[in-house]
Amino acid sequence: MMQRGVRPQWLVILGFGLTAVFNYWMSESNLSSGSVNFALPLVFRALGAALLIVPLTALAVSELQPRDIPQGAALNNMMRQMGGSFGIALINTYIAHRAAYNRSSLVTHITASDLPTQDRLRLATARFVSTGSTVYDAGRRALAGLEATVVRQTYLLSYMDAFFLLAVLNACCIPLVVTTIRKKRAAAQGRLRRRRWKWRRTD
């Protein structure tokens, strides 16, 4: 597409848009989501990555002299690798903080006086007793099952928050790319005016 004259900025904008859609789609997941629910979003992610990597590299070295392009491409690759490492570290830290917050929010509703909690523990204890467990062991297993449910919900909410944050960040990158289009248009118009001024002076 770039060889046919499509400007890399438009491909980058489309790539960020598709990646933002993928992340927003994933932020709507739940514990019942399966491979069918992930198939189409992963297609959007793959298309977004394909539209980002090469056009971004071309955009990064577009203003360089031919002799500087190899060094510019190498520097761009290094910064991309470093940015990926920093991004992974930051998103893991964000997930850890959100996990602590979401767990605190969930466990505040699980108390001895909460009727849904009492009903859930009573039903789970009765089910374990019916399978041969003692009342003490059944109670412990019911509490362990409730803890496992809280852990699953905590990490689901945390990853949903992380995907939503990534969707917002990808969407925020689109205006930055648009500014490069405007700057290049302004620069091209400035060069055209200077050329016309030189021609007039020559005449």
N, C-alpha and C. Protein backbone atom coordinates (compact mmCIF):
# COMPACT_ATOMS: atom_id res chain seq x y z
N MET A 1 0.83 -1.21 0.00
CA MET A 1 0.00 0.00 0.00
C MET A 1 0.87 1.26 0.00
N MET A 2 1.97 1.23 0.74
CA MET A 2 2.87 2.38 0.74
C MET A 2 3.54 2.56 -0.61
N GLN A 3 3.87 1.46 -1.26
CA GLN A 3 4.48 1.55 -2.59
C GLN A 3 3.51 2.10 -3.62
N ARG A 4 2.22 1.94 -3.36
CA ARG A 4 1.22 2.47 -4.28
C ARG A 4 0.87 3.93 -3.98
N GLY A 5 1.55 4.52 -3.00
CA GLY A 5 1.36 5.94 -2.74
C GLY A 5 0.54 6.28 -1.51
N VAL A 6 0.10 5.26 -0.74
CA VAL A 6 -0.66 5.55 0.48
C VAL A 6 0.30 6.12 1.52
N ARG A 7 -0.07 7.25 2.11
CA ARG A 7 0.80 7.88 3.09
C ARG A 7 0.86 7.04 4.36
N PRO A 8 2.05 6.89 4.96
CA PRO A 8 2.16 6.03 6.15
C PRO A 8 1.33 6.54 7.32
N GLN A 9 1.07 7.86 7.37
CA GLN A 9 0.28 8.38 8.49
C GLN A 9 -1.12 7.78 8.53
N TRP A 10 -1.72 7.62 7.33
CA TRP A 10 -3.08 7.06 7.30
C TRP A 10 -3.07 5.60 7.75
N LEU A 11 -2.02 4.86 7.39
CA LEU A 11 -1.93 3.47 7.83
C LEU A 11 -1.72 3.40 9.33
N VAL A 12 -0.91 4.31 9.87
CA VAL A 12 -0.67 4.33 11.32
C VAL A 12 -1.96 4.67 12.07
N ILE A 13 -2.70 5.65 11.56
CA ILE A 13 -3.97 6.00 12.19
C ILE A 13 -4.92 4.81 12.20
N LEU A 14 -5.01 4.11 11.08
CA LEU A 14 -5.87 2.93 11.01
C LEU A 14 -5.37 1.84 11.96
N GLY A 15 -4.05 1.68 12.04
CA GLY A 15 -3.49 0.68 12.95
C GLY A 15 -3.81 0.98 14.40
N PHE A 16 -3.64 2.24 14.82
CA PHE A 16 -3.98 2.62 16.19
C PHE A 16 -5.48 2.44 16.44
N GLY A 17 -6.29 2.76 15.44
CA GLY A 17 -7.73 2.59 15.60
C GLY A 17 -8.13 1.14 15.80
N LEU A 18 -7.56 0.25 14.98
CA LEU A 18 -7.88 -1.17 15.11
C LEU A 18 -7.38 -1.72 16.44
N THR A 19 -6.20 -1.28 16.87
CA THR A 19 -5.69 -1.74 18.16
C THR A 19 -6.54 -1.23 19.31
N ALA A 20 -7.03 0.01 19.21
CA ALA A 20 -7.92 0.54 20.24
C ALA A 20 -9.23 -0.25 20.29
N VAL A 21 -9.76 -0.61 19.12
CA VAL A 21 -10.98 -1.42 19.08
C VAL A 21 -10.74 -2.79 19.72
N PHE A 22 -9.58 -3.40 19.41
CA PHE A 22 -9.25 -4.70 20.02
C PHE A 22 -9.22 -4.59 21.54
N ASN A 23 -8.53 -3.59 22.06
CA ASN A 23 -8.41 -3.46 23.52
C ASN A 23 -9.76 -3.16 24.17
N TYR A 24 -10.56 -2.32 23.53
CA TYR A 24 -11.88 -2.04 24.10
C TYR A 24 -12.75 -3.30 24.07
N TRP A 25 -12.66 -4.06 22.99
CA TRP A 25 -13.42 -5.30 22.88
C TRP A 25 -13.03 -6.26 24.00
N MET A 26 -11.71 -6.36 24.26
CA MET A 26 -11.24 -7.25 25.31
C MET A 26 -11.65 -6.76 26.70
N SER A 27 -11.81 -5.45 26.85
CA SER A 27 -12.21 -4.93 28.16
C SER A 27 -13.65 -5.28 28.51
N GLU A 28 -14.41 -5.79 27.53
CA GLU A 28 -15.78 -6.19 27.76
C GLU A 28 -15.91 -7.69 28.02
N SER A 29 -14.78 -8.37 28.23
CA SER A 29 -14.82 -9.82 28.45
C SER A 29 -15.39 -10.16 29.82
N ASN A 30 -15.73 -11.44 29.99
CA ASN A 30 -16.18 -11.94 31.29
C ASN A 30 -15.67 -13.36 31.46
N LEU A 31 -15.99 -13.97 32.60
CA LEU A 31 -15.47 -15.30 32.89
C LEU A 31 -16.06 -16.37 32.00
N SER A 32 -17.11 -16.06 31.27
CA SER A 32 -17.71 -17.02 30.34
C SER A 32 -17.17 -16.89 28.93
N SER A 33 -16.28 -15.93 28.69
CA SER A 33 -15.73 -15.73 27.35
C SER A 33 -14.85 -16.91 26.97
N GLY A 34 -14.99 -17.33 25.71
CA GLY A 34 -14.20 -18.45 25.21
C GLY A 34 -13.46 -18.08 23.94
N SER A 35 -12.93 -19.09 23.27
CA SER A 35 -12.15 -18.86 22.05
C SER A 35 -12.98 -18.18 20.96
N VAL A 36 -14.26 -18.46 20.92
CA VAL A 36 -15.12 -17.83 19.91
C VAL A 36 -15.17 -16.32 20.12
N ASN A 37 -15.19 -15.90 21.39
CA ASN A 37 -15.24 -14.47 21.69
C ASN A 37 -13.93 -13.74 21.43
N PHE A 38 -12.81 -14.51 21.41
CA PHE A 38 -11.51 -13.89 21.21
C PHE A 38 -11.05 -13.91 19.76
N ALA A 39 -11.68 -14.70 18.90
CA ALA A 39 -11.19 -14.90 17.54
C ALA A 39 -11.19 -13.59 16.75
N LEU A 40 -12.33 -12.90 16.69
CA LEU A 40 -12.41 -11.66 15.91
C LEU A 40 -11.56 -10.53 16.49
N PRO A 41 -11.56 -10.31 17.81
CA PRO A 41 -10.67 -9.28 18.36
C PRO A 41 -9.21 -9.53 18.04
N LEU A 42 -8.78 -10.78 18.03
CA LEU A 42 -7.38 -11.07 17.71
C LEU A 42 -7.06 -10.75 16.25
N VAL A 43 -8.05 -10.88 15.38
CA VAL A 43 -7.86 -10.48 13.98
C VAL A 43 -7.63 -8.97 13.91
N PHE A 44 -8.40 -8.21 14.68
CA PHE A 44 -8.20 -6.75 14.72
C PHE A 44 -6.82 -6.41 15.25
N ARG A 45 -6.36 -7.15 16.26
CA ARG A 45 -5.03 -6.87 16.81
C ARG A 45 -3.94 -7.16 15.79
N ALA A 46 -4.08 -8.27 15.07
CA ALA A 46 -3.07 -8.62 14.07
C ALA A 46 -3.03 -7.58 12.95
N LEU A 47 -4.19 -7.15 12.49
CA LEU A 47 -4.23 -6.12 11.44
C LEU A 47 -3.64 -4.81 11.95
N GLY A 48 -3.97 -4.45 13.19
CA GLY A 48 -3.43 -3.22 13.76
C GLY A 48 -1.92 -3.26 13.86
N ALA A 49 -1.36 -4.39 14.31
CA ALA A 49 0.10 -4.51 14.41
C ALA A 49 0.75 -4.43 13.04
N ALA A 50 0.14 -5.07 12.04
CA ALA A 50 0.70 -5.03 10.69
C ALA A 50 0.70 -3.62 10.12
N LEU A 51 -0.32 -2.84 10.47
CA LEU A 51 -0.42 -1.47 9.95
C LEU A 51 0.41 -0.48 10.76
N LEU A 52 1.00 -0.92 11.86
CA LEU A 52 1.77 -0.01 12.70
C LEU A 52 3.28 -0.14 12.51
N ILE A 53 3.78 -1.37 12.41
CA ILE A 53 5.22 -1.59 12.52
C ILE A 53 5.97 -0.94 11.36
N VAL A 54 5.66 -1.33 10.14
CA VAL A 54 6.40 -0.81 8.98
C VAL A 54 6.11 0.67 8.73
N PRO A 55 4.84 1.12 8.74
CA PRO A 55 4.61 2.55 8.51
C PRO A 55 5.24 3.45 9.57
N LEU A 56 5.26 3.02 10.83
CA LEU A 56 5.90 3.83 11.87
C LEU A 56 7.39 3.96 11.62
N THR A 57 8.02 2.86 11.19
CA THR A 57 9.46 2.92 10.87
C THR A 57 9.71 3.86 9.70
N ALA A 58 8.87 3.74 8.68
CA ALA A 58 9.02 4.62 7.51
C ALA A 58 8.79 6.08 7.90
N LEU A 59 7.83 6.33 8.79
CA LEU A 59 7.55 7.69 9.22
C LEU A 59 8.69 8.25 10.05
N ALA A 60 9.34 7.38 10.84
CA ALA A 60 10.43 7.83 11.72
C ALA A 60 11.65 8.25 10.92
N VAL A 61 11.91 7.61 9.78
CA VAL A 61 13.12 7.91 9.01
C VAL A 61 12.82 8.73 7.76
N SER A 62 11.59 9.19 7.61
CA SER A 62 11.22 9.88 6.36
C SER A 62 11.94 11.20 6.17
N GLU A 63 12.32 11.87 7.27
CA GLU A 63 12.98 13.17 7.16
C GLU A 63 14.50 13.08 7.18
N LEU A 64 15.05 11.86 7.22
CA LEU A 64 16.49 11.69 7.30
C LEU A 64 17.13 11.69 5.92
N GLN A 65 18.40 12.04 5.89
CA GLN A 65 19.17 11.92 4.67
C GLN A 65 19.43 10.43 4.39
N PRO A 66 19.63 10.05 3.12
CA PRO A 66 19.84 8.63 2.81
C PRO A 66 20.98 7.99 3.60
N ARG A 67 22.05 8.75 3.84
CA ARG A 67 23.18 8.17 4.57
C ARG A 67 22.85 7.93 6.05
N ASP A 68 21.82 8.61 6.57
CA ASP A 68 21.47 8.49 7.99
C ASP A 68 20.35 7.49 8.23
N ILE A 69 19.75 6.95 7.17
CA ILE A 69 18.60 6.05 7.33
C ILE A 69 18.96 4.77 8.09
N PRO A 70 20.09 4.09 7.80
CA PRO A 70 20.41 2.88 8.58
C PRO A 70 20.51 3.13 10.08
N GLN A 71 21.21 4.22 10.46
CA GLN A 71 21.33 4.53 11.88
C GLN A 71 19.97 4.92 12.47
N GLY A 72 19.18 5.65 11.71
CA GLY A 72 17.86 6.03 12.19
C GLY A 72 16.95 4.83 12.40
N ALA A 73 17.00 3.87 11.45
CA ALA A 73 16.18 2.66 11.59
C ALA A 73 16.63 1.84 12.80
N ALA A 74 17.95 1.76 13.01
CA ALA A 74 18.46 1.01 14.17
C ALA A 74 18.04 1.67 15.47
N LEU A 75 18.13 3.00 15.53
CA LEU A 75 17.71 3.72 16.73
C LEU A 75 16.21 3.55 16.97
N ASN A 76 15.45 3.58 15.89
CA ASN A 76 14.00 3.39 16.02
C ASN A 76 13.67 2.01 16.56
N ASN A 77 14.36 0.97 16.07
CA ASN A 77 14.13 -0.38 16.57
C ASN A 77 14.50 -0.51 18.04
N MET A 78 15.62 0.12 18.43
CA MET A 78 16.04 0.06 19.83
C MET A 78 15.01 0.74 20.73
N MET A 79 14.53 1.90 20.32
CA MET A 79 13.54 2.61 21.12
C MET A 79 12.22 1.84 21.19
N ARG A 80 11.89 1.15 20.11
CA ARG A 80 10.66 0.34 20.13
C ARG A 80 10.79 -0.81 21.11
N GLN A 81 11.96 -1.47 21.14
CA GLN A 81 12.18 -2.55 22.09
C GLN A 81 12.16 -2.03 23.52
N MET A 82 12.82 -0.91 23.75
CA MET A 82 12.83 -0.34 25.10
C MET A 82 11.42 0.11 25.51
N GLY A 83 10.71 0.71 24.57
CA GLY A 83 9.34 1.12 24.87
C GLY A 83 8.45 -0.06 25.21
N GLY A 84 8.63 -1.19 24.49
CA GLY A 84 7.86 -2.38 24.80
C GLY A 84 8.16 -2.90 26.20
N SER A 85 9.45 -2.89 26.58
CA SER A 85 9.82 -3.36 27.92
C SER A 85 9.24 -2.46 29.00
N PHE A 86 9.36 -1.13 28.79
CA PHE A 86 8.78 -0.21 29.76
C PHE A 86 7.26 -0.37 29.82
N GLY A 87 6.65 -0.55 28.66
CA GLY A 87 5.19 -0.70 28.63
C GLY A 87 4.72 -1.94 29.38
N ILE A 88 5.43 -3.06 29.21
CA ILE A 88 5.06 -4.28 29.91
C ILE A 88 5.20 -4.09 31.42
N ALA A 89 6.31 -3.46 31.85
CA ALA A 89 6.51 -3.21 33.28
C ALA A 89 5.42 -2.31 33.85
N LEU A 90 5.08 -1.25 33.11
CA LEU A 90 4.06 -0.32 33.60
C LEU A 90 2.69 -0.97 33.66
N ILE A 91 2.34 -1.76 32.65
CA ILE A 91 1.00 -2.36 32.65
C ILE A 91 0.90 -3.44 33.72
N ASN A 92 2.00 -4.16 34.00
CA ASN A 92 1.99 -5.13 35.09
C ASN A 92 1.81 -4.44 36.44
N THR A 93 2.49 -3.31 36.61
CA THR A 93 2.31 -2.54 37.84
C THR A 93 0.88 -2.03 37.98
N TYR A 94 0.32 -1.57 36.86
CA TYR A 94 -1.06 -1.09 36.88
C TYR A 94 -2.03 -2.22 37.25
N ILE A 95 -1.81 -3.40 36.68
CA ILE A 95 -2.68 -4.54 36.99
C ILE A 95 -2.58 -4.90 38.46
N ALA A 96 -1.36 -4.87 39.02
CA ALA A 96 -1.19 -5.20 40.44
C ALA A 96 -1.94 -4.20 41.32
N HIS A 97 -1.84 -2.92 40.99
CA HIS A 97 -2.56 -1.91 41.78
C HIS A 97 -4.07 -2.06 41.64
N ARG A 98 -4.53 -2.32 40.42
CA ARG A 98 -5.96 -2.50 40.22
C ARG A 98 -6.47 -3.77 40.90
N ALA A 99 -5.62 -4.80 40.95
CA ALA A 99 -6.02 -6.03 41.64
C ALA A 99 -6.24 -5.77 43.12
N ALA A 100 -5.34 -5.00 43.73
CA ALA A 100 -5.51 -4.67 45.15
C ALA A 100 -6.78 -3.86 45.37
N TYR A 101 -7.02 -2.89 44.48
CA TYR A 101 -8.22 -2.06 44.62
C TYR A 101 -9.49 -2.87 44.40
N ASN A 102 -9.51 -3.69 43.34
CA ASN A 102 -10.72 -4.47 43.04
C ASN A 102 -11.01 -5.50 44.12
N ARG A 103 -9.96 -6.11 44.67
CA ARG A 103 -10.18 -7.08 45.75
C ARG A 103 -10.77 -6.38 46.98
N SER A 104 -10.24 -5.22 47.30
CA SER A 104 -10.78 -4.48 48.44
C SER A 104 -12.25 -4.13 48.22
N SER A 105 -12.57 -3.77 46.98
CA SER A 105 -13.96 -3.41 46.67
C SER A 105 -14.88 -4.63 46.77
N LEU A 106 -14.39 -5.79 46.36
CA LEU A 106 -15.23 -7.00 46.37
C LEU A 106 -15.43 -7.54 47.79
N VAL A 107 -14.35 -7.60 48.57
CA VAL A 107 -14.47 -8.24 49.88
C VAL A 107 -15.29 -7.41 50.86
N THR A 108 -15.46 -6.10 50.56
CA THR A 108 -16.30 -5.30 51.45
C THR A 108 -17.75 -5.76 51.43
N HIS A 109 -18.14 -6.47 50.37
CA HIS A 109 -19.52 -6.98 50.27
C HIS A 109 -19.65 -8.40 50.83
N ILE A 110 -18.54 -9.01 51.21
CA ILE A 110 -18.58 -10.39 51.73
C ILE A 110 -18.37 -10.32 53.24
N THR A 111 -19.46 -10.31 53.96
CA THR A 111 -19.42 -10.23 55.41
C THR A 111 -20.33 -11.30 56.00
N ALA A 112 -20.16 -11.53 57.30
CA ALA A 112 -20.98 -12.55 57.97
C ALA A 112 -22.45 -12.17 58.01
N SER A 113 -22.73 -10.88 57.91
CA SER A 113 -24.12 -10.42 57.95
C SER A 113 -24.75 -10.27 56.56
N ASP A 114 -23.97 -10.54 55.52
CA ASP A 114 -24.48 -10.40 54.16
C ASP A 114 -25.28 -11.64 53.79
N LEU A 115 -26.55 -11.46 53.45
CA LEU A 115 -27.43 -12.59 53.19
C LEU A 115 -26.99 -13.42 51.97
N PRO A 116 -26.63 -12.80 50.82
CA PRO A 116 -26.16 -13.62 49.69
C PRO A 116 -24.92 -14.45 50.03
N THR A 117 -24.02 -13.89 50.84
CA THR A 117 -22.82 -14.64 51.25
C THR A 117 -23.21 -15.82 52.12
N GLN A 118 -24.13 -15.61 53.06
CA GLN A 118 -24.59 -16.71 53.92
C GLN A 118 -25.25 -17.80 53.11
N ASP A 119 -26.10 -17.42 52.16
CA ASP A 119 -26.78 -18.42 51.32
C ASP A 119 -25.77 -19.20 50.49
N ARG A 120 -24.76 -18.51 49.93
CA ARG A 120 -23.76 -19.20 49.11
C ARG A 120 -22.95 -20.19 49.94
N LEU A 121 -22.54 -19.77 51.12
CA LEU A 121 -21.75 -20.66 51.97
C LEU A 121 -22.60 -21.83 52.46
N ARG A 122 -23.86 -21.60 52.78
CA ARG A 122 -24.73 -22.68 53.24
C ARG A 122 -24.96 -23.71 52.15
N LEU A 123 -25.22 -23.26 50.93
CA LEU A 123 -25.43 -24.19 49.83
C LEU A 123 -24.16 -24.97 49.50
N ALA A 124 -23.00 -24.28 49.49
CA ALA A 124 -21.74 -24.97 49.20
C ALA A 124 -21.41 -25.98 50.29
N THR A 125 -21.65 -25.61 51.55
CA THR A 125 -21.37 -26.55 52.66
C THR A 125 -22.27 -27.77 52.55
N ALA A 126 -23.54 -27.56 52.25
CA ALA A 126 -24.47 -28.69 52.11
C ALA A 126 -24.07 -29.60 50.95
N ARG A 127 -23.59 -29.01 49.87
CA ARG A 127 -23.17 -29.83 48.74
C ARG A 127 -21.95 -30.68 49.09
N PHE A 128 -20.98 -30.10 49.80
CA PHE A 128 -19.79 -30.86 50.18
C PHE A 128 -20.13 -31.94 51.21
N VAL A 129 -21.07 -31.64 52.12
CA VAL A 129 -21.49 -32.65 53.09
C VAL A 129 -22.16 -33.82 52.39
N SER A 130 -22.94 -33.51 51.36
CA SER A 130 -23.64 -34.57 50.64
C SER A 130 -22.69 -35.49 49.88
N THR A 131 -21.45 -35.02 49.62
CA THR A 131 -20.47 -35.85 48.93
C THR A 131 -19.55 -36.61 49.89
N GLY A 132 -19.83 -36.50 51.21
CA GLY A 132 -19.07 -37.29 52.18
C GLY A 132 -18.14 -36.51 53.08
N SER A 133 -18.03 -35.20 52.94
CA SER A 133 -17.15 -34.41 53.78
C SER A 133 -17.80 -34.16 55.14
N THR A 134 -16.97 -33.96 56.15
CA THR A 134 -17.49 -33.57 57.46
C THR A 134 -17.96 -32.12 57.40
N VAL A 135 -18.73 -31.74 58.42
CA VAL A 135 -19.25 -30.37 58.44
C VAL A 135 -18.10 -29.37 58.50
N TYR A 136 -17.03 -29.69 59.28
CA TYR A 136 -15.89 -28.78 59.39
C TYR A 136 -15.15 -28.65 58.06
N ASP A 137 -14.86 -29.83 57.44
CA ASP A 137 -14.17 -29.79 56.15
C ASP A 137 -15.02 -29.13 55.07
N ALA A 138 -16.34 -29.38 55.12
CA ALA A 138 -17.24 -28.77 54.13
C ALA A 138 -17.24 -27.26 54.27
N GLY A 139 -17.22 -26.76 55.51
CA GLY A 139 -17.17 -25.31 55.73
C GLY A 139 -15.89 -24.69 55.19
N ARG A 140 -14.76 -25.39 55.45
CA ARG A 140 -13.49 -24.89 54.94
C ARG A 140 -13.46 -24.89 53.41
N ARG A 141 -13.97 -25.95 52.81
CA ARG A 141 -13.99 -26.01 51.36
C ARG A 141 -14.91 -24.95 50.77
N ALA A 142 -16.02 -24.67 51.45
CA ALA A 142 -16.93 -23.62 50.98
C ALA A 142 -16.25 -22.25 51.03
N LEU A 143 -15.50 -21.98 52.11
CA LEU A 143 -14.77 -20.72 52.20
C LEU A 143 -13.67 -20.64 51.13
N ALA A 144 -13.00 -21.78 50.87
CA ALA A 144 -11.96 -21.79 49.83
C ALA A 144 -12.57 -21.53 48.46
N GLY A 145 -13.74 -22.10 48.22
CA GLY A 145 -14.41 -21.84 46.95
C GLY A 145 -14.82 -20.39 46.79
N LEU A 146 -15.27 -19.78 47.89
CA LEU A 146 -15.63 -18.37 47.85
C LEU A 146 -14.40 -17.50 47.59
N GLU A 147 -13.27 -17.85 48.21
CA GLU A 147 -12.02 -17.13 47.97
C GLU A 147 -11.58 -17.26 46.52
N ALA A 148 -11.71 -18.46 45.95
CA ALA A 148 -11.33 -18.65 44.54
C ALA A 148 -12.20 -17.80 43.62
N THR A 149 -13.48 -17.69 43.95
CA THR A 149 -14.37 -16.84 43.14
C THR A 149 -13.95 -15.39 43.21
N VAL A 150 -13.58 -14.93 44.41
CA VAL A 150 -13.14 -13.54 44.57
C VAL A 150 -11.86 -13.30 43.76
N VAL A 151 -10.92 -14.26 43.79
CA VAL A 151 -9.66 -14.10 43.05
C VAL A 151 -9.93 -14.02 41.55
N ARG A 152 -10.81 -14.90 41.05
CA ARG A 152 -11.12 -14.87 39.62
C ARG A 152 -11.74 -13.54 39.21
N GLN A 153 -12.70 -13.07 40.00
CA GLN A 153 -13.34 -11.80 39.68
C GLN A 153 -12.37 -10.63 39.80
N THR A 154 -11.46 -10.71 40.78
CA THR A 154 -10.48 -9.63 40.97
C THR A 154 -9.60 -9.49 39.75
N TYR A 155 -9.05 -10.59 39.27
CA TYR A 155 -8.15 -10.50 38.12
C TYR A 155 -8.89 -10.22 36.83
N LEU A 156 -10.12 -10.68 36.72
CA LEU A 156 -10.91 -10.33 35.54
C LEU A 156 -11.11 -8.82 35.48
N LEU A 157 -11.52 -8.21 36.58
CA LEU A 157 -11.74 -6.77 36.61
C LEU A 157 -10.44 -6.01 36.36
N SER A 158 -9.33 -6.52 36.89
CA SER A 158 -8.04 -5.84 36.72
C SER A 158 -7.60 -5.86 35.27
N TYR A 159 -7.74 -7.00 34.60
CA TYR A 159 -7.35 -7.08 33.19
C TYR A 159 -8.32 -6.28 32.31
N MET A 160 -9.58 -6.24 32.69
CA MET A 160 -10.52 -5.40 31.94
C MET A 160 -10.12 -3.92 32.05
N ASP A 161 -9.70 -3.50 33.25
CA ASP A 161 -9.23 -2.13 33.42
C ASP A 161 -7.98 -1.86 32.58
N ALA A 162 -7.07 -2.84 32.55
CA ALA A 162 -5.83 -2.67 31.77
C ALA A 162 -6.13 -2.56 30.28
N PHE A 163 -7.01 -3.40 29.78
CA PHE A 163 -7.36 -3.34 28.36
C PHE A 163 -8.05 -2.01 28.03
N PHE A 164 -8.88 -1.53 28.94
CA PHE A 164 -9.55 -0.25 28.68
C PHE A 164 -8.52 0.88 28.67
N LEU A 165 -7.55 0.84 29.58
CA LEU A 165 -6.49 1.86 29.58
C LEU A 165 -5.71 1.84 28.27
N LEU A 166 -5.39 0.65 27.77
CA LEU A 166 -4.65 0.53 26.51
C LEU A 166 -5.49 1.05 25.34
N ALA A 167 -6.80 0.80 25.39
CA ALA A 167 -7.67 1.34 24.34
C ALA A 167 -7.63 2.86 24.32
N VAL A 168 -7.68 3.48 25.50
CA VAL A 168 -7.63 4.94 25.59
C VAL A 168 -6.29 5.46 25.09
N LEU A 169 -5.18 4.81 25.48
CA LEU A 169 -3.85 5.27 25.07
C LEU A 169 -3.67 5.16 23.56
N ASN A 170 -4.16 4.06 22.97
CA ASN A 170 -4.06 3.92 21.51
C ASN A 170 -4.89 4.97 20.79
N ALA A 171 -6.08 5.26 21.34
CA ALA A 171 -6.92 6.29 20.73
C ALA A 171 -6.27 7.66 20.85
N CYS A 172 -5.54 7.90 21.95
CA CYS A 172 -4.89 9.20 22.13
C CYS A 172 -3.70 9.38 21.19
N CYS A 173 -3.16 8.29 20.66
CA CYS A 173 -2.04 8.40 19.72
C CYS A 173 -2.49 8.90 18.35
N ILE A 174 -3.76 8.74 18.03
CA ILE A 174 -4.24 9.14 16.70
C ILE A 174 -4.09 10.64 16.47
N PRO A 175 -4.50 11.51 17.42
CA PRO A 175 -4.29 12.95 17.18
C PRO A 175 -2.82 13.32 17.02
N LEU A 176 -1.91 12.60 17.69
CA LEU A 176 -0.49 12.89 17.52
C LEU A 176 -0.04 12.64 16.09
N VAL A 177 -0.56 11.57 15.49
CA VAL A 177 -0.20 11.28 14.10
C VAL A 177 -0.81 12.32 13.17
N VAL A 178 -2.01 12.78 13.49
CA VAL A 178 -2.66 13.80 12.66
C VAL A 178 -1.83 15.08 12.65
N THR A 179 -1.21 15.41 13.78
CA THR A 179 -0.38 16.62 13.82
C THR A 179 0.81 16.52 12.87
N THR A 180 1.36 15.31 12.68
CA THR A 180 2.47 15.17 11.73
C THR A 180 2.01 15.44 10.31
N ILE A 181 0.77 15.07 9.99
CA ILE A 181 0.24 15.36 8.65
C ILE A 181 0.14 16.86 8.44
N ARG A 182 -0.36 17.57 9.45
CA ARG A 182 -0.51 19.02 9.32
C ARG A 182 0.84 19.70 9.24
N LYS A 183 1.81 19.22 10.05
CA LYS A 183 3.13 19.82 10.01
C LYS A 183 3.78 19.63 8.65
N LYS A 184 3.62 18.43 8.08
CA LYS A 184 4.23 18.20 6.77
C LYS A 184 3.55 19.02 5.69
N ARG A 185 2.25 19.20 5.81
CA ARG A 185 1.55 20.05 4.84
C ARG A 185 2.03 21.49 4.95
N ALA A 186 2.18 21.98 6.21
CA ALA A 186 2.66 23.34 6.40
C ALA A 186 4.08 23.50 5.89
N ALA A 187 4.93 22.48 6.13
CA ALA A 187 6.31 22.55 5.64
C ALA A 187 6.35 22.55 4.12
N ALA A 188 5.51 21.71 3.51
CA ALA A 188 5.47 21.65 2.04
C ALA A 188 5.00 22.98 1.46
N GLN A 189 3.98 23.59 2.09
CA GLN A 189 3.51 24.88 1.61
C GLN A 189 4.58 25.95 1.77
N GLY A 190 5.34 25.88 2.90
CA GLY A 190 6.42 26.83 3.10
C GLY A 190 7.50 26.69 2.05
N ARG A 191 7.87 25.45 1.71
CA ARG A 191 8.87 25.24 0.66
C ARG A 191 8.37 25.76 -0.68
N LEU A 192 7.08 25.54 -0.95
CA LEU A 192 6.52 26.02 -2.22
C LEU A 192 6.55 27.54 -2.29
N ARG A 193 6.22 28.20 -1.17
CA ARG A 193 6.27 29.66 -1.16
C ARG A 193 7.69 30.16 -1.38
N ARG A 194 8.68 29.52 -0.74
CA ARG A 194 10.06 29.95 -0.91
C ARG A 194 10.53 29.77 -2.36
N ARG A 195 10.11 28.66 -2.97
CA ARG A 195 10.49 28.45 -4.36
C ARG A 195 9.88 29.52 -5.26
N ARG A 196 8.61 29.82 -5.02
CA ARG A 196 7.96 30.85 -5.83
C ARG A 196 8.65 32.20 -5.64
N TRP A 197 9.04 32.51 -4.40
CA TRP A 197 9.72 33.77 -4.13
C TRP A 197 11.06 33.83 -4.84
N LYS A 198 11.78 32.71 -4.86
CA LYS A 198 13.07 32.65 -5.57
C LYS A 198 12.86 32.84 -7.06
N TRP A 199 11.81 32.20 -7.60
CA TRP A 199 11.55 32.34 -9.03
C TRP A 199 11.25 33.80 -9.38
N ARG A 200 10.46 34.47 -8.51
CA ARG A 200 10.12 35.86 -8.77
C ARG A 200 11.35 36.75 -8.72
N ARG A 201 12.26 36.48 -7.76
CA ARG A 201 13.47 37.26 -7.70
C ARG A 201 14.36 37.01 -8.91
N THR A 202 14.36 35.75 -9.37
CA THR A 202 15.16 35.43 -10.55
C THR A 202 14.62 36.14 -11.78
N ASP A 203 13.28 36.20 -11.87
CA ASP A 203 12.68 36.87 -13.01
C ASP A 203 12.99 38.37 -12.95
